[in-house]
Amino acid sequence: MDDIKQIQFNNGLVPAIIQEECSGEVLMLAYMNEESFKLTIETGTTWFFSRSRQKLWNKGETSGHFQHVKNIRFDCDGDTLLLKVEQTGAACHTGNKSCFYREVKIKE
C-alpha cells in the first residue's frame, strides 16, 4: 500500500482508465479518491467516486457487471491510473461493452 503515496489525488481525485485485460479494449474512465482506491485493492473489484452524486460506488453493485481487478498501474507523474480488469457483462451503463462506442468522423 506504499504505492498510494506516489498517487497524486489532485483535488482529492485521480482519473482511472479501465481496460479489459484479455482484449486490451478501453472500457471506461472514472475517478477514484483515496478511499475508493483502497477499497479496490482490498476487495479486488473496482470502486469509484461519483463526482455528480458525491459518493462512492462499486462498479457492478446494481447491474451485476463487476470488474475484477487483475493489475493496477500508474503513469510517470502519478496522476493517472490504469486498471486492467476482467469485465463481467457490459462496462457502460447504456448496455454497451465499452463506454467508448461512439466515434468522431475525421476527414481524410
Protein backbone atom coordinates (compact mmCIF):
# COMPACT_ATOMS: atom_id res chain seq x y z
CA MET A 1 0.00 0.00 0.00
CA ASP A 2 3.09 2.25 -0.03
CA ASP A 3 2.33 2.92 -3.71
CA ILE A 4 -0.57 5.13 -2.62
CA LYS A 5 1.99 7.73 -1.53
CA GLN A 6 3.03 8.06 -5.18
CA ILE A 7 -0.50 8.70 -6.45
CA GLN A 8 -1.45 12.36 -6.95
CA PHE A 9 -5.06 12.81 -5.86
CA ASN A 10 -5.50 16.29 -7.36
CA ASN A 11 -8.47 17.96 -5.69
CA GLY A 12 -8.92 14.61 -3.97
CA LEU A 13 -9.39 12.62 -7.20
CA VAL A 14 -7.35 10.74 -9.78
CA PRO A 15 -8.64 9.60 -13.20
CA ALA A 16 -8.74 5.83 -13.66
CA ILE A 17 -8.71 4.27 -17.12
CA ILE A 18 -10.33 0.84 -17.10
CA GLN A 19 -9.03 -1.60 -19.70
CA GLU A 20 -10.11 -5.17 -20.38
CA GLU A 21 -7.15 -7.39 -19.63
CA CYS A 22 -7.73 -10.05 -22.30
CA SER A 23 -8.57 -7.79 -25.28
CA GLY A 24 -6.83 -4.53 -24.36
CA GLU A 25 -10.07 -2.63 -25.09
CA VAL A 26 -10.56 0.56 -23.10
CA LEU A 27 -13.87 0.12 -21.29
CA MET A 28 -14.37 3.33 -19.34
CA LEU A 29 -12.89 6.25 -17.46
CA ALA A 30 -13.90 7.07 -13.91
CA TYR A 31 -12.44 8.85 -10.90
CA MET A 32 -11.06 7.46 -7.68
CA ASN A 33 -10.42 9.12 -4.37
CA GLU A 34 -8.11 7.64 -1.77
CA GLU A 35 -10.92 5.66 -0.13
CA SER A 36 -12.16 4.09 -3.38
CA PHE A 37 -8.55 3.26 -4.36
CA LYS A 38 -8.06 1.44 -1.05
CA LEU A 39 -11.41 -0.38 -1.38
CA THR A 40 -10.45 -1.51 -4.89
CA ILE A 41 -7.22 -3.02 -3.59
CA GLU A 42 -8.94 -4.60 -0.58
CA THR A 43 -11.92 -6.10 -2.45
CA GLY A 44 -10.43 -6.88 -5.87
CA THR A 45 -13.31 -5.12 -7.63
CA THR A 46 -13.41 -1.53 -8.85
CA TRP A 47 -14.68 1.26 -6.60
CA PHE A 48 -15.00 4.85 -7.80
CA PHE A 49 -16.05 8.25 -6.55
CA SER A 50 -19.05 9.74 -8.34
CA ARG A 51 -18.50 13.45 -8.89
CA SER A 52 -22.18 14.04 -9.66
CA ARG A 53 -23.56 12.10 -6.68
CA GLN A 54 -20.63 12.89 -4.38
CA LYS A 55 -20.39 9.32 -3.11
CA LEU A 56 -18.53 6.04 -3.54
CA TRP A 57 -19.82 3.36 -5.88
CA ASN A 58 -18.81 -0.21 -6.59
CA LYS A 59 -18.97 -0.96 -10.32
CA GLY A 60 -21.50 -3.77 -10.78
CA GLU A 61 -23.19 -3.24 -7.44
CA THR A 62 -26.61 -2.77 -9.05
CA SER A 63 -26.09 -4.29 -12.52
CA GLY A 64 -24.03 -7.34 -11.56
CA HIS A 65 -21.46 -6.28 -14.16
CA PHE A 66 -18.44 -6.33 -11.87
CA GLN A 67 -14.87 -5.55 -12.81
CA HIS A 68 -12.37 -7.95 -11.24
CA VAL A 69 -9.03 -6.16 -10.99
CA LYS A 70 -6.04 -8.02 -12.40
CA ASN A 71 -3.46 -5.23 -12.40
CA ILE A 72 -3.13 -1.59 -11.36
CA ARG A 73 -0.53 0.72 -12.87
CA PHE A 74 0.07 4.45 -12.59
CA ASP A 75 1.74 6.83 -15.00
CA CYS A 76 5.11 8.56 -14.68
CA ASP A 77 3.59 11.61 -12.94
CA GLY A 78 1.43 9.52 -10.63
CA ASP A 79 -1.66 11.42 -11.73
CA THR A 80 -3.48 8.77 -13.78
CA LEU A 81 -4.30 5.14 -13.02
CA LEU A 82 -4.66 2.24 -15.45
CA LEU A 83 -6.62 -0.73 -14.17
CA LYS A 84 -6.66 -3.94 -16.15
CA VAL A 85 -9.79 -5.92 -15.34
CA GLU A 86 -11.83 -8.96 -16.16
CA GLN A 87 -15.20 -7.46 -17.07
CA THR A 88 -18.44 -9.28 -16.29
CA GLY A 89 -21.15 -8.15 -18.73
CA ALA A 90 -21.23 -4.60 -20.09
CA ALA A 91 -18.99 -1.86 -18.69
CA CYS A 92 -21.21 1.01 -19.84
CA HIS A 93 -24.47 1.94 -18.14
CA THR A 94 -26.03 2.07 -21.63
CA GLY A 95 -25.54 -1.67 -22.01
CA ASN A 96 -22.59 -1.35 -24.39
CA LYS A 97 -19.46 -3.35 -23.67
CA SER A 98 -17.37 -0.14 -23.59
CA CYS A 99 -18.31 3.44 -22.82
CA PHE A 100 -16.30 4.40 -25.91
CA TYR A 101 -18.73 3.11 -28.53
CA ARG A 102 -19.25 6.44 -30.36
CA GLU A 103 -16.81 7.71 -32.97
CA VAL A 104 -15.96 11.16 -34.32
CA LYS A 105 -15.56 11.10 -38.09
CA ILE A 106 -12.24 12.52 -39.27
CA LYS A 107 -11.82 13.90 -42.79
CA GLU A 108 -9.23 12.07 -44.80
